[in-house]
Amino acid sequence: MILITTDNIPGKEITEVLGIVKGQVVQSKHIGRDFMAGLKTIVGGEISGYTEMLDEARKIATQRMIDEANSMGADAIIGVRFGSSSVMEGASEMLAYGTAVKIK
């Protein structure tokens, strides 16, 4: 599966647009990590527990998007974008979306 942020794939011809595909997940850290992250906000710096959480969530959302595209018979996903939002304290939503296409 080709994933690309642009609207075309260099050297490839898009033969069919299959539609929008997406994958999403709401992810949280366990209470111990959340407590330590709260302490980190006092002194500043990167909160690595949340960085890891968002990275894991991005991977899950991306795989779900790919699975949806595969079920449609897609060869590639163009215009890939990511979005995130805070659902509640310590939990974030990650969304991956794009356009499933067939290529030549």
N, C-alpha and C. Protein backbone atom coordinates (compact mmCIF):
# COMPACT_ATOMS: atom_id res chain seq x y z
N MET A 1 0.86 -1.18 0.00
CA MET A 1 0.00 0.00 0.00
C MET A 1 0.90 1.23 0.00
N ILE A 2 0.68 2.09 -0.97
CA ILE A 2 1.41 3.36 -1.04
C ILE A 2 0.62 4.40 -0.25
N LEU A 3 1.29 5.09 0.65
CA LEU A 3 0.70 6.22 1.39
C LEU A 3 1.48 7.46 1.00
N ILE A 4 0.76 8.51 0.63
CA ILE A 4 1.43 9.73 0.20
C ILE A 4 0.58 10.94 0.57
N THR A 5 1.24 12.02 0.96
CA THR A 5 0.51 13.22 1.38
C THR A 5 0.08 14.09 0.20
N THR A 6 0.66 13.86 -0.96
CA THR A 6 0.30 14.66 -2.13
C THR A 6 -0.94 14.08 -2.81
N ASP A 7 -1.47 14.82 -3.78
CA ASP A 7 -2.68 14.39 -4.48
C ASP A 7 -2.40 13.55 -5.72
N ASN A 8 -1.13 13.28 -6.00
CA ASN A 8 -0.78 12.39 -7.09
C ASN A 8 0.48 11.62 -6.68
N ILE A 9 0.75 10.57 -7.42
CA ILE A 9 1.91 9.73 -7.15
C ILE A 9 2.85 9.84 -8.34
N PRO A 10 4.03 10.43 -8.14
CA PRO A 10 4.95 10.59 -9.26
C PRO A 10 5.21 9.26 -9.98
N GLY A 11 5.07 9.29 -11.30
CA GLY A 11 5.32 8.11 -12.12
C GLY A 11 4.17 7.12 -12.17
N LYS A 12 3.06 7.42 -11.51
CA LYS A 12 1.91 6.51 -11.50
C LYS A 12 0.67 7.25 -12.00
N GLU A 13 -0.22 6.50 -12.61
CA GLU A 13 -1.48 7.08 -13.09
C GLU A 13 -2.61 6.57 -12.21
N ILE A 14 -3.39 7.50 -11.67
CA ILE A 14 -4.56 7.13 -10.87
C ILE A 14 -5.67 6.76 -11.84
N THR A 15 -6.15 5.53 -11.75
CA THR A 15 -7.17 5.06 -12.69
C THR A 15 -8.58 5.12 -12.09
N GLU A 16 -8.67 5.15 -10.76
CA GLU A 16 -9.99 5.19 -10.13
C GLU A 16 -9.87 5.74 -8.72
N VAL A 17 -10.79 6.63 -8.38
CA VAL A 17 -10.88 7.14 -7.01
C VAL A 17 -11.97 6.33 -6.32
N LEU A 18 -11.60 5.66 -5.23
CA LEU A 18 -12.54 4.77 -4.54
C LEU A 18 -13.29 5.45 -3.40
N GLY A 19 -12.71 6.51 -2.86
CA GLY A 19 -13.39 7.24 -1.80
C GLY A 19 -12.49 7.53 -0.61
N ILE A 20 -13.07 8.22 0.35
CA ILE A 20 -12.34 8.59 1.56
C ILE A 20 -12.22 7.38 2.48
N VAL A 21 -11.04 7.24 3.06
CA VAL A 21 -10.80 6.20 4.06
C VAL A 21 -10.26 6.87 5.31
N LYS A 22 -10.54 6.25 6.45
CA LYS A 22 -10.08 6.82 7.70
C LYS A 22 -9.81 5.72 8.71
N GLY A 23 -9.03 6.08 9.69
CA GLY A 23 -8.79 5.21 10.83
C GLY A 23 -8.68 6.10 12.04
N GLN A 24 -9.25 5.67 13.15
CA GLN A 24 -9.16 6.50 14.35
C GLN A 24 -9.04 5.63 15.58
N VAL A 25 -8.50 6.23 16.63
CA VAL A 25 -8.35 5.56 17.91
C VAL A 25 -8.34 6.62 19.00
N VAL A 26 -8.91 6.28 20.13
CA VAL A 26 -8.78 7.11 21.33
C VAL A 26 -7.88 6.34 22.28
N GLN A 27 -6.80 6.98 22.68
CA GLN A 27 -5.76 6.31 23.45
C GLN A 27 -5.53 7.06 24.76
N SER A 28 -5.19 6.32 25.81
CA SER A 28 -4.85 6.95 27.08
C SER A 28 -3.67 6.21 27.71
N LYS A 29 -3.05 6.86 28.68
CA LYS A 29 -1.97 6.25 29.45
C LYS A 29 -2.51 5.84 30.80
N HIS A 30 -1.85 4.87 31.41
CA HIS A 30 -2.31 4.44 32.73
C HIS A 30 -2.04 5.52 33.78
N ILE A 31 -2.70 5.42 34.89
CA ILE A 31 -2.70 6.47 35.91
C ILE A 31 -1.29 6.82 36.41
N GLY A 32 -0.41 5.85 36.50
CA GLY A 32 0.97 6.12 36.95
C GLY A 32 1.69 7.05 36.00
N ARG A 33 1.57 6.78 34.72
CA ARG A 33 2.21 7.64 33.71
C ARG A 33 1.57 9.01 33.70
N ASP A 34 0.26 9.06 33.86
CA ASP A 34 -0.45 10.33 33.87
C ASP A 34 0.00 11.19 35.05
N PHE A 35 0.19 10.58 36.20
CA PHE A 35 0.66 11.29 37.38
C PHE A 35 2.05 11.85 37.15
N MET A 36 2.94 11.04 36.59
CA MET A 36 4.32 11.48 36.32
C MET A 36 4.32 12.61 35.28
N ALA A 37 3.44 12.52 34.30
CA ALA A 37 3.35 13.58 33.29
C ALA A 37 2.91 14.88 33.94
N GLY A 38 1.99 14.79 34.89
CA GLY A 38 1.55 15.98 35.63
C GLY A 38 2.69 16.63 36.36
N LEU A 39 3.56 15.83 36.96
CA LEU A 39 4.73 16.39 37.64
C LEU A 39 5.68 17.04 36.65
N LYS A 40 5.81 16.45 35.47
CA LYS A 40 6.71 16.98 34.45
C LYS A 40 6.27 18.38 33.99
N THR A 41 4.97 18.65 34.01
CA THR A 41 4.50 19.96 33.57
C THR A 41 4.97 21.06 34.51
N ILE A 42 5.30 20.71 35.73
CA ILE A 42 5.79 21.70 36.70
C ILE A 42 7.19 22.17 36.33
N VAL A 43 8.05 21.24 35.91
CA VAL A 43 9.45 21.58 35.61
C VAL A 43 9.71 21.84 34.13
N GLY A 44 8.78 21.44 33.28
CA GLY A 44 8.94 21.66 31.84
C GLY A 44 9.67 20.53 31.15
N GLY A 45 9.68 20.58 29.84
CA GLY A 45 10.36 19.58 29.03
C GLY A 45 9.39 18.64 28.35
N GLU A 46 9.93 17.74 27.57
CA GLU A 46 9.10 16.79 26.83
C GLU A 46 8.47 15.79 27.78
N ILE A 47 7.22 15.49 27.55
CA ILE A 47 6.52 14.47 28.32
C ILE A 47 6.54 13.21 27.47
N SER A 48 7.59 12.41 27.64
CA SER A 48 7.83 11.29 26.74
C SER A 48 6.71 10.25 26.77
N GLY A 49 6.04 10.08 27.89
CA GLY A 49 4.93 9.13 27.96
C GLY A 49 3.83 9.50 26.98
N TYR A 50 3.54 10.79 26.86
CA TYR A 50 2.51 11.23 25.92
C TYR A 50 3.01 11.19 24.48
N THR A 51 4.28 11.45 24.28
CA THR A 51 4.85 11.33 22.94
C THR A 51 4.72 9.88 22.46
N GLU A 52 5.05 8.94 23.34
CA GLU A 52 4.92 7.52 23.00
C GLU A 52 3.46 7.15 22.74
N MET A 53 2.55 7.67 23.56
CA MET A 53 1.14 7.38 23.41
C MET A 53 0.64 7.86 22.05
N LEU A 54 1.00 9.08 21.66
CA LEU A 54 0.55 9.62 20.37
C LEU A 54 1.17 8.87 19.20
N ASP A 55 2.43 8.45 19.34
CA ASP A 55 3.08 7.68 18.28
C ASP A 55 2.36 6.34 18.09
N GLU A 56 2.05 5.68 19.19
CA GLU A 56 1.33 4.41 19.12
C GLU A 56 -0.06 4.61 18.52
N ALA A 57 -0.74 5.67 18.94
CA ALA A 57 -2.08 5.96 18.42
C ALA A 57 -2.02 6.25 16.92
N ARG A 58 -1.00 6.97 16.47
CA ARG A 58 -0.85 7.28 15.04
C ARG A 58 -0.66 6.00 14.23
N LYS A 59 0.14 5.07 14.76
CA LYS A 59 0.36 3.80 14.07
C LYS A 59 -0.93 2.99 13.97
N ILE A 60 -1.71 2.95 15.05
CA ILE A 60 -2.97 2.21 15.04
C ILE A 60 -3.95 2.83 14.06
N ALA A 61 -4.09 4.16 14.10
CA ALA A 61 -5.01 4.85 13.20
C ALA A 61 -4.60 4.65 11.74
N THR A 62 -3.31 4.71 11.47
CA THR A 62 -2.81 4.50 10.10
C THR A 62 -3.13 3.09 9.63
N GLN A 63 -2.92 2.10 10.47
CA GLN A 63 -3.20 0.71 10.08
C GLN A 63 -4.69 0.50 9.83
N ARG A 64 -5.53 1.13 10.64
CA ARG A 64 -6.97 1.01 10.43
C ARG A 64 -7.39 1.66 9.10
N MET A 65 -6.74 2.78 8.75
CA MET A 65 -7.02 3.44 7.48
C MET A 65 -6.59 2.52 6.33
N ILE A 66 -5.42 1.92 6.44
CA ILE A 66 -4.92 1.00 5.41
C ILE A 66 -5.85 -0.20 5.28
N ASP A 67 -6.30 -0.74 6.40
CA ASP A 67 -7.22 -1.89 6.36
C ASP A 67 -8.50 -1.54 5.61
N GLU A 68 -9.03 -0.34 5.86
CA GLU A 68 -10.25 0.09 5.16
C GLU A 68 -9.99 0.22 3.66
N ALA A 69 -8.84 0.79 3.30
CA ALA A 69 -8.49 0.94 1.88
C ALA A 69 -8.31 -0.43 1.22
N ASN A 70 -7.68 -1.35 1.92
CA ASN A 70 -7.51 -2.71 1.38
C ASN A 70 -8.86 -3.37 1.14
N SER A 71 -9.81 -3.16 2.04
CA SER A 71 -11.13 -3.78 1.88
C SER A 71 -11.87 -3.21 0.66
N MET A 72 -11.46 -2.04 0.20
CA MET A 72 -12.06 -1.42 -0.99
C MET A 72 -11.31 -1.81 -2.26
N GLY A 73 -10.18 -2.50 -2.12
CA GLY A 73 -9.38 -2.89 -3.27
C GLY A 73 -8.41 -1.82 -3.73
N ALA A 74 -8.05 -0.90 -2.86
CA ALA A 74 -7.17 0.21 -3.22
C ALA A 74 -5.72 -0.25 -3.35
N ASP A 75 -4.99 0.48 -4.19
CA ASP A 75 -3.55 0.27 -4.33
C ASP A 75 -2.76 1.31 -3.55
N ALA A 76 -3.41 2.45 -3.28
CA ALA A 76 -2.71 3.56 -2.63
C ALA A 76 -3.72 4.45 -1.91
N ILE A 77 -3.19 5.26 -1.01
CA ILE A 77 -3.97 6.30 -0.35
C ILE A 77 -3.24 7.61 -0.57
N ILE A 78 -3.92 8.55 -1.21
CA ILE A 78 -3.32 9.86 -1.48
C ILE A 78 -3.92 10.90 -0.54
N GLY A 79 -3.23 12.03 -0.42
CA GLY A 79 -3.72 13.12 0.41
C GLY A 79 -3.82 12.74 1.88
N VAL A 80 -2.90 11.90 2.35
CA VAL A 80 -2.95 11.43 3.74
C VAL A 80 -2.74 12.58 4.71
N ARG A 81 -3.59 12.64 5.70
CA ARG A 81 -3.51 13.66 6.75
C ARG A 81 -3.75 13.01 8.10
N PHE A 82 -3.28 13.69 9.14
CA PHE A 82 -3.49 13.25 10.51
C PHE A 82 -4.10 14.40 11.31
N GLY A 83 -4.94 14.06 12.23
CA GLY A 83 -5.51 15.05 13.14
C GLY A 83 -5.57 14.44 14.53
N SER A 84 -5.52 15.30 15.52
CA SER A 84 -5.63 14.80 16.89
C SER A 84 -6.41 15.80 17.72
N SER A 85 -7.00 15.29 18.77
CA SER A 85 -7.73 16.15 19.69
C SER A 85 -7.71 15.50 21.07
N SER A 86 -7.87 16.33 22.06
CA SER A 86 -7.95 15.84 23.43
C SER A 86 -9.40 15.49 23.72
N VAL A 87 -9.65 14.26 24.11
CA VAL A 87 -11.00 13.81 24.41
C VAL A 87 -11.33 14.09 25.88
N MET A 88 -10.35 13.86 26.73
CA MET A 88 -10.45 14.14 28.16
C MET A 88 -9.03 14.18 28.70
N GLU A 89 -8.85 14.57 29.93
CA GLU A 89 -7.51 14.64 30.48
C GLU A 89 -6.85 13.27 30.40
N GLY A 90 -5.69 13.22 29.76
CA GLY A 90 -4.95 11.97 29.67
C GLY A 90 -5.36 11.07 28.52
N ALA A 91 -6.32 11.49 27.69
CA ALA A 91 -6.75 10.67 26.56
C ALA A 91 -6.85 11.54 25.31
N SER A 92 -6.34 11.04 24.21
CA SER A 92 -6.36 11.77 22.94
C SER A 92 -6.90 10.90 21.83
N GLU A 93 -7.57 11.55 20.88
CA GLU A 93 -8.03 10.89 19.68
C GLU A 93 -7.01 11.16 18.58
N MET A 94 -6.70 10.14 17.81
CA MET A 94 -5.85 10.29 16.64
C MET A 94 -6.66 9.84 15.43
N LEU A 95 -6.66 10.65 14.39
CA LEU A 95 -7.40 10.36 13.17
C LEU A 95 -6.44 10.40 12.00
N ALA A 96 -6.48 9.37 11.16
CA ALA A 96 -5.72 9.33 9.91
C ALA A 96 -6.75 9.22 8.79
N TYR A 97 -6.58 10.03 7.73
CA TYR A 97 -7.54 9.96 6.63
C TYR A 97 -6.87 10.32 5.31
N GLY A 98 -7.51 9.88 4.24
CA GLY A 98 -7.00 10.15 2.90
C GLY A 98 -7.98 9.63 1.88
N THR A 99 -7.56 9.59 0.62
CA THR A 99 -8.40 9.13 -0.47
C THR A 99 -7.82 7.83 -1.04
N ALA A 100 -8.63 6.78 -1.01
CA ALA A 100 -8.22 5.49 -1.57
C ALA A 100 -8.34 5.53 -3.08
N VAL A 101 -7.30 5.04 -3.76
CA VAL A 101 -7.28 5.06 -5.23
C VAL A 101 -6.72 3.75 -5.77
N LYS A 102 -7.03 3.49 -7.04
CA LYS A 102 -6.38 2.42 -7.79
C LYS A 102 -5.40 3.12 -8.72
N ILE A 103 -4.26 2.49 -8.91
CA ILE A 103 -3.23 3.06 -9.80
C ILE A 103 -2.83 2.07 -10.87
N LYS A 104 -2.26 2.62 -11.93
CA LYS A 104 -1.77 1.83 -13.07
C LYS A 104 -0.29 1.62 -12.92
